[in-house]
Amino acid sequence: MEDAGYIMRAADSQPAMGAGTEVYARGLKPAEGTRYGIYHLGDKYIDPENNDTLGYEATYVGEATVQAWGDPQKAVLTSTARDARPGDRFLAESGNGILDLTFPPHRPAGTVNGQIAAVLSGEAQIGQYDVVLLNRGTKAGVDPGTVLGIYRRGGSAKDTVGGGLFSVTLPTERSGTLMVFRSFDNASYAVVMQATREIHVTDVVANP
């Protein structure tokens, strides 16, 4: 994304940029072609286990076609899902842009033990059909179609009946089921298929 071309401003200087707006851009390369997807660079995704960067959220804005090369380049926004802004990035389109969803649901081939790193809705509590980011990917054997259980770690509580001097670790409880639909090396996107109790970021995902 740091090397990708970006929107500099609207050609007519208007602040709102939607479908049909002509824009000035910089950093576009003729070798990449004339058709681009436009994305807004969002939040950084952090691995809750070790604070490593898993990646960045890239929100789809729309599509554009280059009209004239030069510096700056001139492009027209052919379609938009949200208003484009200066700084939004151009990524060259490859293929038909359709995500393959023909994979069969399956159990992981090996043992998986990861966590929910983020939820795309931004809500604190996660529910059925929410999309979440996991801190496990293809390197851990997690590929599209992988079905995992969601587990909430048991906290600790004092046994006030038995004396109250010692804390007792409560058991880990199953709270739902998810299925992965997109995998990267060290991260995956998954949809929560079932939620039987509250689900939160940092909850455990493991073999069902």
N, C-alpha and C. Protein backbone atom coordinates (compact mmCIF):
# COMPACT_ATOMS: atom_id res chain seq x y z
N MET A 1 0.82 -1.20 0.00
CA MET A 1 0.00 0.00 0.00
C MET A 1 0.86 1.26 0.00
N GLU A 2 2.01 1.22 0.68
CA GLU A 2 2.88 2.40 0.74
C GLU A 2 3.42 2.76 -0.64
N ASP A 3 3.58 1.77 -1.52
CA ASP A 3 4.10 2.02 -2.86
C ASP A 3 3.00 2.25 -3.89
N ALA A 4 1.75 2.13 -3.48
CA ALA A 4 0.64 2.25 -4.42
C ALA A 4 0.36 3.72 -4.74
N GLY A 5 -0.21 3.94 -5.94
CA GLY A 5 -0.63 5.29 -6.30
C GLY A 5 -1.77 5.76 -5.40
N TYR A 6 -2.01 7.06 -5.39
CA TYR A 6 -3.01 7.60 -4.48
C TYR A 6 -3.75 8.77 -5.13
N ILE A 7 -4.94 9.05 -4.59
CA ILE A 7 -5.72 10.20 -5.03
C ILE A 7 -5.10 11.46 -4.44
N MET A 8 -4.78 12.44 -5.29
CA MET A 8 -4.24 13.70 -4.82
C MET A 8 -5.37 14.68 -4.48
N ARG A 9 -6.34 14.80 -5.40
CA ARG A 9 -7.49 15.68 -5.20
C ARG A 9 -8.45 15.49 -6.35
N ALA A 10 -9.68 16.01 -6.19
CA ALA A 10 -10.64 16.00 -7.29
C ALA A 10 -10.23 17.03 -8.33
N ALA A 11 -10.48 16.73 -9.60
CA ALA A 11 -10.08 17.65 -10.67
C ALA A 11 -10.81 18.98 -10.57
N ASP A 12 -12.03 18.95 -10.02
CA ASP A 12 -12.79 20.20 -9.89
C ASP A 12 -12.69 20.80 -8.49
N SER A 13 -11.78 20.26 -7.68
CA SER A 13 -11.50 20.78 -6.33
C SER A 13 -12.64 20.55 -5.34
N GLN A 14 -13.65 19.77 -5.71
CA GLN A 14 -14.74 19.50 -4.78
C GLN A 14 -14.29 18.50 -3.72
N PRO A 15 -14.76 18.66 -2.46
CA PRO A 15 -14.32 17.74 -1.40
C PRO A 15 -14.91 16.34 -1.52
N ALA A 16 -16.16 16.24 -2.02
CA ALA A 16 -16.81 14.94 -2.14
C ALA A 16 -16.45 14.31 -3.48
N MET A 17 -16.01 13.06 -3.43
CA MET A 17 -15.61 12.36 -4.65
C MET A 17 -16.38 11.06 -4.74
N GLY A 18 -17.35 11.00 -5.65
CA GLY A 18 -18.14 9.81 -5.87
C GLY A 18 -18.04 9.34 -7.30
N ALA A 19 -18.90 8.41 -7.68
CA ALA A 19 -18.89 7.88 -9.05
C ALA A 19 -19.06 9.02 -10.06
N GLY A 20 -18.22 9.01 -11.10
CA GLY A 20 -18.25 10.03 -12.14
C GLY A 20 -17.28 11.17 -11.91
N THR A 21 -16.69 11.26 -10.72
CA THR A 21 -15.76 12.34 -10.41
C THR A 21 -14.41 12.09 -11.09
N GLU A 22 -13.86 13.11 -11.72
CA GLU A 22 -12.51 13.04 -12.26
C GLU A 22 -11.53 13.47 -11.17
N VAL A 23 -10.45 12.72 -11.03
CA VAL A 23 -9.48 13.00 -9.97
C VAL A 23 -8.07 13.06 -10.54
N TYR A 24 -7.22 13.76 -9.82
CA TYR A 24 -5.79 13.72 -10.11
C TYR A 24 -5.14 12.72 -9.16
N ALA A 25 -4.26 11.91 -9.72
CA ALA A 25 -3.60 10.87 -8.95
C ALA A 25 -2.11 10.92 -9.20
N ARG A 26 -1.36 10.33 -8.28
CA ARG A 26 0.09 10.20 -8.46
C ARG A 26 0.51 8.78 -8.12
N GLY A 27 1.60 8.35 -8.74
CA GLY A 27 2.15 7.04 -8.44
C GLY A 27 1.60 5.89 -9.25
N LEU A 28 0.69 6.16 -10.19
CA LEU A 28 0.17 5.09 -11.04
C LEU A 28 1.19 4.74 -12.12
N LYS A 29 1.23 3.47 -12.50
CA LYS A 29 2.24 2.98 -13.44
C LYS A 29 1.55 2.40 -14.67
N PRO A 30 1.92 2.86 -15.89
CA PRO A 30 1.29 2.34 -17.10
C PRO A 30 1.38 0.82 -17.22
N ALA A 31 2.44 0.22 -16.69
CA ALA A 31 2.61 -1.23 -16.80
C ALA A 31 1.53 -1.99 -16.03
N GLU A 32 0.87 -1.33 -15.08
CA GLU A 32 -0.17 -1.99 -14.29
C GLU A 32 -1.53 -1.96 -14.99
N GLY A 33 -1.63 -1.24 -16.10
CA GLY A 33 -2.90 -1.14 -16.81
C GLY A 33 -3.64 0.14 -16.44
N THR A 34 -4.88 0.22 -16.86
CA THR A 34 -5.66 1.44 -16.66
C THR A 34 -6.80 1.28 -15.66
N ARG A 35 -7.09 0.06 -15.22
CA ARG A 35 -8.21 -0.17 -14.30
C ARG A 35 -7.68 -0.46 -12.90
N TYR A 36 -8.27 0.23 -11.92
CA TYR A 36 -7.80 0.11 -10.54
C TYR A 36 -8.96 -0.01 -9.57
N GLY A 37 -8.72 -0.70 -8.49
CA GLY A 37 -9.59 -0.64 -7.33
C GLY A 37 -9.05 0.42 -6.39
N ILE A 38 -9.93 1.07 -5.64
CA ILE A 38 -9.54 2.14 -4.72
C ILE A 38 -9.83 1.67 -3.30
N TYR A 39 -8.87 1.88 -2.40
CA TYR A 39 -8.99 1.40 -1.03
C TYR A 39 -8.55 2.47 -0.05
N HIS A 40 -9.23 2.50 1.09
CA HIS A 40 -8.84 3.41 2.17
C HIS A 40 -8.06 2.61 3.21
N LEU A 41 -6.86 3.06 3.52
CA LEU A 41 -6.02 2.38 4.49
C LEU A 41 -6.53 2.68 5.89
N GLY A 42 -6.90 1.63 6.61
CA GLY A 42 -7.50 1.79 7.92
C GLY A 42 -6.60 1.38 9.06
N ASP A 43 -7.18 0.74 10.05
CA ASP A 43 -6.47 0.41 11.28
C ASP A 43 -5.41 -0.66 11.08
N LYS A 44 -4.41 -0.63 11.93
CA LYS A 44 -3.39 -1.68 11.96
C LYS A 44 -3.94 -2.86 12.77
N TYR A 45 -3.74 -4.08 12.26
CA TYR A 45 -4.14 -5.27 12.99
C TYR A 45 -2.94 -5.80 13.78
N ILE A 46 -3.12 -5.97 15.07
CA ILE A 46 -2.05 -6.40 15.97
C ILE A 46 -2.35 -7.80 16.49
N ASP A 47 -1.34 -8.67 16.49
CA ASP A 47 -1.48 -10.01 17.05
C ASP A 47 -1.56 -9.88 18.57
N PRO A 48 -2.65 -10.32 19.20
CA PRO A 48 -2.77 -10.17 20.66
C PRO A 48 -1.79 -11.02 21.45
N GLU A 49 -1.16 -11.99 20.79
CA GLU A 49 -0.22 -12.85 21.51
C GLU A 49 1.16 -12.21 21.66
N ASN A 50 1.63 -11.53 20.61
CA ASN A 50 3.01 -11.03 20.64
C ASN A 50 3.17 -9.59 20.15
N ASN A 51 2.04 -8.92 19.87
CA ASN A 51 2.04 -7.52 19.40
C ASN A 51 2.67 -7.33 18.02
N ASP A 52 2.87 -8.41 17.26
CA ASP A 52 3.34 -8.28 15.89
C ASP A 52 2.23 -7.69 15.02
N THR A 53 2.63 -7.02 13.94
CA THR A 53 1.66 -6.47 12.99
C THR A 53 1.21 -7.57 12.03
N LEU A 54 -0.10 -7.85 12.02
CA LEU A 54 -0.64 -8.86 11.11
C LEU A 54 -0.95 -8.26 9.74
N GLY A 55 -1.22 -6.96 9.70
CA GLY A 55 -1.55 -6.29 8.45
C GLY A 55 -2.35 -5.04 8.75
N TYR A 56 -2.94 -4.49 7.70
CA TYR A 56 -3.74 -3.28 7.83
C TYR A 56 -5.10 -3.50 7.19
N GLU A 57 -6.10 -2.91 7.79
CA GLU A 57 -7.43 -2.96 7.19
C GLU A 57 -7.46 -2.09 5.94
N ALA A 58 -7.94 -2.66 4.84
CA ALA A 58 -8.08 -1.90 3.59
C ALA A 58 -9.55 -1.92 3.22
N THR A 59 -10.22 -0.78 3.36
CA THR A 59 -11.65 -0.68 3.10
C THR A 59 -11.89 -0.34 1.63
N TYR A 60 -12.72 -1.15 0.99
CA TYR A 60 -13.02 -0.94 -0.43
C TYR A 60 -13.79 0.36 -0.62
N VAL A 61 -13.30 1.19 -1.54
CA VAL A 61 -13.94 2.48 -1.84
C VAL A 61 -14.66 2.43 -3.18
N GLY A 62 -14.01 1.89 -4.21
CA GLY A 62 -14.63 1.84 -5.53
C GLY A 62 -13.64 1.45 -6.60
N GLU A 63 -13.94 1.87 -7.84
CA GLU A 63 -13.09 1.54 -8.98
C GLU A 63 -12.84 2.79 -9.80
N ALA A 64 -11.73 2.76 -10.54
CA ALA A 64 -11.36 3.92 -11.35
C ALA A 64 -10.66 3.46 -12.63
N THR A 65 -10.71 4.33 -13.63
CA THR A 65 -10.03 4.09 -14.90
C THR A 65 -9.17 5.30 -15.23
N VAL A 66 -7.93 5.06 -15.63
CA VAL A 66 -7.02 6.14 -15.99
C VAL A 66 -7.45 6.74 -17.32
N GLN A 67 -7.52 8.06 -17.37
CA GLN A 67 -7.87 8.76 -18.60
C GLN A 67 -6.66 9.34 -19.31
N ALA A 68 -5.67 9.79 -18.53
CA ALA A 68 -4.49 10.41 -19.11
C ALA A 68 -3.29 10.18 -18.21
N TRP A 69 -2.15 9.83 -18.85
CA TRP A 69 -0.92 9.60 -18.10
C TRP A 69 -0.12 10.90 -18.00
N GLY A 70 0.74 10.97 -17.06
CA GLY A 70 1.54 12.16 -16.82
C GLY A 70 1.85 12.23 -15.34
N ASP A 71 2.21 13.38 -14.84
CA ASP A 71 2.41 13.56 -13.40
C ASP A 71 1.86 14.93 -13.01
N PRO A 72 0.63 14.97 -12.48
CA PRO A 72 -0.18 13.84 -12.02
C PRO A 72 -0.92 13.14 -13.15
N GLN A 73 -1.41 11.93 -12.85
CA GLN A 73 -2.27 11.23 -13.79
C GLN A 73 -3.71 11.69 -13.56
N LYS A 74 -4.55 11.51 -14.57
CA LYS A 74 -5.96 11.84 -14.44
C LYS A 74 -6.79 10.57 -14.58
N ALA A 75 -7.72 10.38 -13.66
CA ALA A 75 -8.56 9.18 -13.66
C ALA A 75 -9.99 9.58 -13.36
N VAL A 76 -10.92 8.71 -13.71
CA VAL A 76 -12.33 8.92 -13.39
C VAL A 76 -12.79 7.77 -12.49
N LEU A 77 -13.56 8.11 -11.46
CA LEU A 77 -14.12 7.10 -10.57
C LEU A 77 -15.34 6.50 -11.26
N THR A 78 -15.25 5.23 -11.65
CA THR A 78 -16.33 4.60 -12.41
C THR A 78 -17.43 4.07 -11.51
N SER A 79 -17.11 3.72 -10.27
CA SER A 79 -18.12 3.29 -9.30
C SER A 79 -17.55 3.49 -7.91
N THR A 80 -18.42 3.75 -6.94
CA THR A 80 -17.97 3.95 -5.56
C THR A 80 -18.97 3.33 -4.59
N ALA A 81 -18.43 2.73 -3.54
CA ALA A 81 -19.25 2.20 -2.45
C ALA A 81 -19.31 3.20 -1.29
N ARG A 82 -18.40 4.14 -1.28
CA ARG A 82 -18.35 5.21 -0.28
C ARG A 82 -17.56 6.36 -0.90
N ASP A 83 -17.64 7.54 -0.31
CA ASP A 83 -16.90 8.68 -0.85
C ASP A 83 -15.40 8.42 -0.81
N ALA A 84 -14.74 8.75 -1.91
CA ALA A 84 -13.28 8.67 -1.95
C ALA A 84 -12.68 9.91 -1.30
N ARG A 85 -11.44 9.78 -0.82
CA ARG A 85 -10.78 10.88 -0.13
C ARG A 85 -9.34 11.01 -0.63
N PRO A 86 -8.75 12.20 -0.54
CA PRO A 86 -7.32 12.31 -0.84
C PRO A 86 -6.52 11.34 0.03
N GLY A 87 -5.58 10.65 -0.60
CA GLY A 87 -4.78 9.67 0.13
C GLY A 87 -5.26 8.25 -0.05
N ASP A 88 -6.50 8.05 -0.54
CA ASP A 88 -6.96 6.69 -0.82
C ASP A 88 -6.07 6.09 -1.91
N ARG A 89 -5.83 4.80 -1.80
CA ARG A 89 -4.83 4.13 -2.64
C ARG A 89 -5.45 3.37 -3.82
N PHE A 90 -4.68 3.34 -4.91
CA PHE A 90 -5.06 2.59 -6.11
C PHE A 90 -4.32 1.25 -6.12
N LEU A 91 -5.05 0.17 -6.30
CA LEU A 91 -4.44 -1.15 -6.48
C LEU A 91 -4.92 -1.70 -7.81
N ALA A 92 -3.97 -2.10 -8.66
CA ALA A 92 -4.32 -2.59 -9.99
C ALA A 92 -5.21 -3.82 -9.89
N GLU A 93 -6.24 -3.87 -10.72
CA GLU A 93 -7.14 -5.01 -10.70
C GLU A 93 -6.49 -6.20 -11.37
N SER A 94 -6.73 -7.38 -10.79
CA SER A 94 -6.22 -8.63 -11.38
C SER A 94 -7.35 -9.63 -11.38
N GLY A 95 -7.52 -10.33 -12.47
CA GLY A 95 -8.60 -11.30 -12.59
C GLY A 95 -9.95 -10.60 -12.65
N ASN A 96 -10.99 -11.31 -12.20
CA ASN A 96 -12.33 -10.72 -12.25
C ASN A 96 -12.74 -10.12 -10.92
N GLY A 97 -11.85 -10.17 -9.91
CA GLY A 97 -12.14 -9.55 -8.64
C GLY A 97 -13.13 -10.30 -7.79
N ILE A 98 -13.52 -11.53 -8.20
CA ILE A 98 -14.52 -12.30 -7.46
C ILE A 98 -13.82 -13.29 -6.54
N LEU A 99 -14.20 -13.30 -5.26
CA LEU A 99 -13.63 -14.21 -4.29
C LEU A 99 -14.23 -15.59 -4.47
N ASP A 100 -13.38 -16.61 -4.59
CA ASP A 100 -13.85 -17.98 -4.78
C ASP A 100 -14.43 -18.50 -3.46
N LEU A 101 -15.72 -18.80 -3.45
CA LEU A 101 -16.38 -19.30 -2.25
C LEU A 101 -16.89 -20.73 -2.45
N THR A 102 -16.20 -21.51 -3.28
CA THR A 102 -16.64 -22.87 -3.57
C THR A 102 -15.95 -23.92 -2.72
N PHE A 103 -15.25 -23.51 -1.67
CA PHE A 103 -14.52 -24.45 -0.83
C PHE A 103 -15.49 -25.22 0.08
N PRO A 104 -15.17 -26.48 0.41
CA PRO A 104 -16.02 -27.24 1.33
C PRO A 104 -15.61 -26.98 2.79
N PRO A 105 -16.56 -26.89 3.71
CA PRO A 105 -16.21 -26.79 5.13
C PRO A 105 -15.47 -28.04 5.59
N HIS A 106 -14.44 -27.87 6.40
CA HIS A 106 -13.67 -29.03 6.86
C HIS A 106 -12.97 -28.71 8.18
N ARG A 107 -12.63 -29.74 8.91
CA ARG A 107 -11.84 -29.59 10.12
C ARG A 107 -10.40 -29.27 9.76
N PRO A 108 -9.66 -28.59 10.63
CA PRO A 108 -8.24 -28.35 10.34
C PRO A 108 -7.46 -29.66 10.28
N ALA A 109 -6.44 -29.68 9.42
CA ALA A 109 -5.64 -30.90 9.25
C ALA A 109 -4.84 -31.23 10.50
N GLY A 110 -4.42 -30.18 11.23
CA GLY A 110 -3.63 -30.39 12.45
C GLY A 110 -4.24 -29.63 13.61
N THR A 111 -3.44 -29.45 14.64
CA THR A 111 -3.90 -28.73 15.83
C THR A 111 -3.75 -27.23 15.62
N VAL A 112 -4.82 -26.51 15.85
CA VAL A 112 -4.82 -25.05 15.74
C VAL A 112 -5.14 -24.46 17.10
N ASN A 113 -4.37 -23.47 17.50
CA ASN A 113 -4.60 -22.77 18.77
C ASN A 113 -4.24 -21.31 18.56
N GLY A 114 -5.24 -20.49 18.28
CA GLY A 114 -5.00 -19.07 18.02
C GLY A 114 -5.99 -18.21 18.76
N GLN A 115 -6.12 -16.96 18.28
CA GLN A 115 -7.02 -16.02 18.93
C GLN A 115 -7.72 -15.15 17.89
N ILE A 116 -8.84 -14.57 18.29
CA ILE A 116 -9.50 -13.54 17.50
C ILE A 116 -8.73 -12.24 17.71
N ALA A 117 -8.20 -11.67 16.63
CA ALA A 117 -7.37 -10.47 16.74
C ALA A 117 -8.18 -9.19 16.56
N ALA A 118 -9.28 -9.25 15.81
CA ALA A 118 -10.08 -8.05 15.56
C ALA A 118 -11.42 -8.46 15.01
N VAL A 119 -12.38 -7.55 15.08
CA VAL A 119 -13.70 -7.74 14.47
C VAL A 119 -13.94 -6.59 13.51
N LEU A 120 -14.41 -6.89 12.31
CA LEU A 120 -14.52 -5.85 11.29
C LEU A 120 -15.63 -4.85 11.58
N SER A 121 -16.61 -5.24 12.39
CA SER A 121 -17.68 -4.31 12.72
C SER A 121 -17.23 -3.23 13.68
N GLY A 122 -16.12 -3.46 14.38
CA GLY A 122 -15.63 -2.51 15.35
C GLY A 122 -16.33 -2.57 16.69
N GLU A 123 -17.33 -3.45 16.82
CA GLU A 123 -18.06 -3.57 18.07
C GLU A 123 -17.26 -4.38 19.09
N ALA A 124 -17.50 -4.09 20.36
CA ALA A 124 -16.78 -4.81 21.42
C ALA A 124 -17.25 -6.25 21.53
N GLN A 125 -18.55 -6.47 21.33
CA GLN A 125 -19.10 -7.81 21.43
C GLN A 125 -19.34 -8.36 20.04
N ILE A 126 -19.00 -9.61 19.82
CA ILE A 126 -19.09 -10.25 18.51
C ILE A 126 -20.28 -11.19 18.50
N GLY A 127 -21.05 -11.16 17.41
CA GLY A 127 -22.22 -12.01 17.29
C GLY A 127 -22.22 -12.84 16.04
N GLN A 128 -23.30 -13.58 15.84
CA GLN A 128 -23.44 -14.44 14.67
C GLN A 128 -23.34 -13.62 13.39
N TYR A 129 -22.61 -14.15 12.42
CA TYR A 129 -22.39 -13.59 11.09
C TYR A 129 -21.43 -12.40 11.08
N ASP A 130 -20.87 -12.04 12.21
CA ASP A 130 -19.81 -11.02 12.21
C ASP A 130 -18.55 -11.62 11.58
N VAL A 131 -17.78 -10.76 10.92
CA VAL A 131 -16.51 -11.18 10.32
C VAL A 131 -15.37 -10.80 11.27
N VAL A 132 -14.50 -11.74 11.54
CA VAL A 132 -13.40 -11.53 12.48
C VAL A 132 -12.07 -11.87 11.82
N LEU A 133 -11.02 -11.31 12.37
CA LEU A 133 -9.66 -11.61 11.91
C LEU A 133 -9.00 -12.52 12.93
N LEU A 134 -8.39 -13.61 12.46
CA LEU A 134 -7.68 -14.55 13.32
C LEU A 134 -6.18 -14.36 13.16
N ASN A 135 -5.42 -14.68 14.20
CA ASN A 135 -3.96 -14.57 14.13
C ASN A 135 -3.32 -15.89 13.71
N ARG A 136 -4.03 -16.66 12.92
CA ARG A 136 -3.50 -17.89 12.33
C ARG A 136 -3.89 -17.92 10.86
N GLY A 137 -2.96 -18.43 10.02
CA GLY A 137 -3.20 -18.49 8.59
C GLY A 137 -2.70 -19.78 7.99
N THR A 138 -2.30 -19.72 6.73
CA THR A 138 -1.90 -20.93 6.01
C THR A 138 -0.67 -21.60 6.63
N LYS A 139 0.20 -20.81 7.25
CA LYS A 139 1.38 -21.41 7.89
C LYS A 139 0.98 -22.30 9.06
N ALA A 140 -0.20 -22.07 9.62
CA ALA A 140 -0.69 -22.89 10.73
C ALA A 140 -1.71 -23.91 10.24
N GLY A 141 -1.84 -24.06 8.92
CA GLY A 141 -2.77 -25.03 8.36
C GLY A 141 -4.21 -24.55 8.29
N VAL A 142 -4.42 -23.24 8.38
CA VAL A 142 -5.76 -22.67 8.31
C VAL A 142 -6.00 -22.14 6.90
N ASP A 143 -6.92 -22.75 6.18
CA ASP A 143 -7.22 -22.35 4.81
C ASP A 143 -8.72 -22.14 4.66
N PRO A 144 -9.17 -21.59 3.51
CA PRO A 144 -10.60 -21.37 3.34
C PRO A 144 -11.41 -22.65 3.54
N GLY A 145 -12.47 -22.54 4.34
CA GLY A 145 -13.31 -23.69 4.65
C GLY A 145 -13.02 -24.29 6.01
N THR A 146 -11.89 -23.93 6.63
CA THR A 146 -11.55 -24.46 7.94
C THR A 146 -12.58 -24.03 8.98
N VAL A 147 -13.12 -24.99 9.70
CA VAL A 147 -14.09 -24.74 10.75
C VAL A 147 -13.40 -24.86 12.10
N LEU A 148 -13.56 -23.84 12.94
CA LEU A 148 -12.92 -23.82 14.26
C LEU A 148 -13.94 -23.49 15.33
N GLY A 149 -13.69 -23.98 16.53
CA GLY A 149 -14.50 -23.61 17.67
C GLY A 149 -13.97 -22.33 18.29
N ILE A 150 -14.85 -21.59 18.93
CA ILE A 150 -14.49 -20.37 19.65
C ILE A 150 -14.64 -20.67 21.13
N TYR A 151 -13.62 -20.31 21.90
CA TYR A 151 -13.61 -20.65 23.32
C TYR A 151 -13.25 -19.42 24.14
N ARG A 152 -13.94 -19.25 25.26
CA ARG A 152 -13.63 -18.16 26.17
C ARG A 152 -12.92 -18.72 27.38
N ARG A 153 -11.71 -18.19 27.63
CA ARG A 153 -10.93 -18.67 28.76
C ARG A 153 -11.65 -18.42 30.08
N GLY A 154 -11.58 -19.38 30.94
CA GLY A 154 -12.16 -19.19 32.26
C GLY A 154 -11.32 -18.25 33.10
N GLY A 155 -11.94 -17.36 33.79
CA GLY A 155 -11.21 -16.46 34.68
C GLY A 155 -10.91 -17.14 36.00
N SER A 156 -10.75 -16.37 37.04
CA SER A 156 -10.49 -16.93 38.36
C SER A 156 -11.49 -16.34 39.35
N ALA A 157 -11.82 -17.12 40.34
CA ALA A 157 -12.76 -16.67 41.36
C ALA A 157 -12.38 -17.28 42.69
N LYS A 158 -12.66 -16.56 43.75
CA LYS A 158 -12.38 -17.08 45.08
C LYS A 158 -13.52 -17.98 45.55
N ASP A 159 -13.13 -19.05 46.16
CA ASP A 159 -14.11 -19.98 46.72
C ASP A 159 -14.51 -19.49 48.10
N THR A 160 -15.56 -18.67 48.14
CA THR A 160 -15.97 -18.10 49.43
C THR A 160 -16.64 -19.13 50.34
N VAL A 161 -17.14 -20.21 49.72
CA VAL A 161 -17.78 -21.25 50.52
C VAL A 161 -16.73 -22.11 51.20
N GLY A 162 -15.66 -22.42 50.46
CA GLY A 162 -14.63 -23.30 51.00
C GLY A 162 -13.52 -22.58 51.72
N GLY A 163 -13.71 -21.36 52.10
CA GLY A 163 -12.69 -20.66 52.88
C GLY A 163 -12.29 -19.33 52.28
N GLY A 164 -12.33 -19.20 50.94
CA GLY A 164 -12.05 -17.93 50.29
C GLY A 164 -10.61 -17.48 50.31
N LEU A 165 -9.70 -18.37 50.63
CA LEU A 165 -8.29 -17.99 50.69
C LEU A 165 -7.59 -18.17 49.36
N PHE A 166 -8.11 -19.05 48.53
CA PHE A 166 -7.43 -19.38 47.29
C PHE A 166 -8.34 -19.11 46.10
N SER A 167 -7.73 -18.68 45.00
CA SER A 167 -8.47 -18.47 43.76
C SER A 167 -8.57 -19.78 42.99
N VAL A 168 -9.71 -20.01 42.40
CA VAL A 168 -9.96 -21.20 41.60
C VAL A 168 -10.05 -20.79 40.14
N THR A 169 -9.32 -21.46 39.26
CA THR A 169 -9.39 -21.17 37.83
C THR A 169 -10.63 -21.82 37.24
N LEU A 170 -11.47 -21.01 36.63
CA LEU A 170 -12.70 -21.53 36.04
C LEU A 170 -12.40 -22.18 34.69
N PRO A 171 -13.20 -23.14 34.25
CA PRO A 171 -12.91 -23.85 33.00
C PRO A 171 -13.13 -22.99 31.77
N THR A 172 -12.42 -23.33 30.68
CA THR A 172 -12.63 -22.70 29.38
C THR A 172 -13.94 -23.21 28.80
N GLU A 173 -14.77 -22.30 28.28
CA GLU A 173 -16.10 -22.67 27.79
C GLU A 173 -16.21 -22.42 26.29
N ARG A 174 -16.85 -23.34 25.58
CA ARG A 174 -17.12 -23.16 24.15
C ARG A 174 -18.19 -22.08 23.99
N SER A 175 -17.94 -21.12 23.09
CA SER A 175 -18.88 -20.02 22.92
C SER A 175 -19.38 -19.87 21.49
N GLY A 176 -18.86 -20.66 20.55
CA GLY A 176 -19.35 -20.54 19.19
C GLY A 176 -18.54 -21.32 18.18
N THR A 177 -18.87 -21.11 16.91
CA THR A 177 -18.21 -21.78 15.80
C THR A 177 -18.01 -20.77 14.68
N LEU A 178 -16.86 -20.85 14.02
CA LEU A 178 -16.61 -19.95 12.88
C LEU A 178 -16.04 -20.75 11.71
N MET A 179 -16.10 -20.14 10.53
CA MET A 179 -15.53 -20.76 9.34
C MET A 179 -14.69 -19.73 8.59
N VAL A 180 -13.49 -20.12 8.24
CA VAL A 180 -12.55 -19.26 7.52
C VAL A 180 -12.95 -19.18 6.05
N PHE A 181 -12.89 -17.97 5.49
CA PHE A 181 -13.19 -17.83 4.05
C PHE A 181 -12.05 -17.16 3.28
N ARG A 182 -11.05 -16.62 3.97
CA ARG A 182 -9.90 -16.02 3.28
C ARG A 182 -8.69 -16.16 4.18
N SER A 183 -7.58 -16.68 3.64
CA SER A 183 -6.39 -16.92 4.43
C SER A 183 -5.18 -16.21 3.85
N PHE A 184 -4.31 -15.75 4.73
CA PHE A 184 -3.00 -15.20 4.39
C PHE A 184 -1.96 -16.03 5.15
N ASP A 185 -0.71 -15.66 5.08
CA ASP A 185 0.33 -16.46 5.74
C ASP A 185 0.09 -16.60 7.23
N ASN A 186 -0.16 -15.47 7.90
CA ASN A 186 -0.26 -15.49 9.36
C ASN A 186 -1.57 -14.94 9.89
N ALA A 187 -2.57 -14.83 9.04
CA ALA A 187 -3.86 -14.29 9.46
C ALA A 187 -4.95 -14.84 8.55
N SER A 188 -6.18 -14.79 9.03
CA SER A 188 -7.32 -15.27 8.24
C SER A 188 -8.55 -14.45 8.59
N TYR A 189 -9.45 -14.33 7.60
CA TYR A 189 -10.78 -13.78 7.85
C TYR A 189 -11.74 -14.95 8.01
N ALA A 190 -12.65 -14.83 8.97
CA ALA A 190 -13.63 -15.88 9.22
C ALA A 190 -14.97 -15.25 9.57
N VAL A 191 -16.04 -16.00 9.35
CA VAL A 191 -17.38 -15.54 9.72
C VAL A 191 -17.88 -16.41 10.86
N VAL A 192 -18.47 -15.78 11.86
CA VAL A 192 -19.02 -16.50 13.00
C VAL A 192 -20.33 -17.15 12.56
N MET A 193 -20.36 -18.48 12.53
CA MET A 193 -21.54 -19.20 12.08
C MET A 193 -22.52 -19.45 13.22
N GLN A 194 -22.00 -19.55 14.43
CA GLN A 194 -22.86 -19.82 15.58
C GLN A 194 -22.26 -19.15 16.81
N ALA A 195 -23.11 -18.53 17.61
CA ALA A 195 -22.68 -17.91 18.86
C ALA A 195 -23.62 -18.34 19.97
N THR A 196 -23.12 -19.07 20.94
CA THR A 196 -23.96 -19.57 22.03
C THR A 196 -23.83 -18.72 23.29
N ARG A 197 -22.82 -17.86 23.34
CA ARG A 197 -22.63 -16.92 24.44
C ARG A 197 -21.78 -15.77 23.94
N GLU A 198 -21.46 -14.81 24.78
CA GLU A 198 -20.70 -13.64 24.35
C GLU A 198 -19.33 -14.04 23.79
N ILE A 199 -18.94 -13.36 22.70
CA ILE A 199 -17.64 -13.58 22.06
C ILE A 199 -16.92 -12.25 22.01
N HIS A 200 -15.62 -12.25 22.29
CA HIS A 200 -14.86 -11.01 22.33
C HIS A 200 -13.51 -11.20 21.64
N VAL A 201 -12.89 -10.09 21.26
CA VAL A 201 -11.51 -10.10 20.76
C VAL A 201 -10.62 -10.72 21.83
N THR A 202 -9.65 -11.50 21.40
CA THR A 202 -8.69 -12.31 22.20
C THR A 202 -9.26 -13.64 22.65
N ASP A 203 -10.56 -13.94 22.36
CA ASP A 203 -11.05 -15.28 22.65
C ASP A 203 -10.28 -16.29 21.81
N VAL A 204 -10.18 -17.49 22.29
CA VAL A 204 -9.39 -18.56 21.67
C VAL A 204 -10.16 -19.18 20.51
N VAL A 205 -9.45 -19.49 19.42
CA VAL A 205 -10.01 -20.30 18.34
C VAL A 205 -9.15 -21.56 18.24
N ALA A 206 -9.81 -22.71 18.20
CA ALA A 206 -9.09 -23.98 18.21
C ALA A 206 -9.94 -25.05 17.55
N ASN A 207 -9.38 -26.25 17.46
CA ASN A 207 -10.11 -27.36 16.84
C ASN A 207 -11.47 -27.53 17.50
N PRO A 208 -12.50 -27.77 16.71
CA PRO A 208 -13.84 -27.92 17.27
C PRO A 208 -14.00 -29.23 18.04
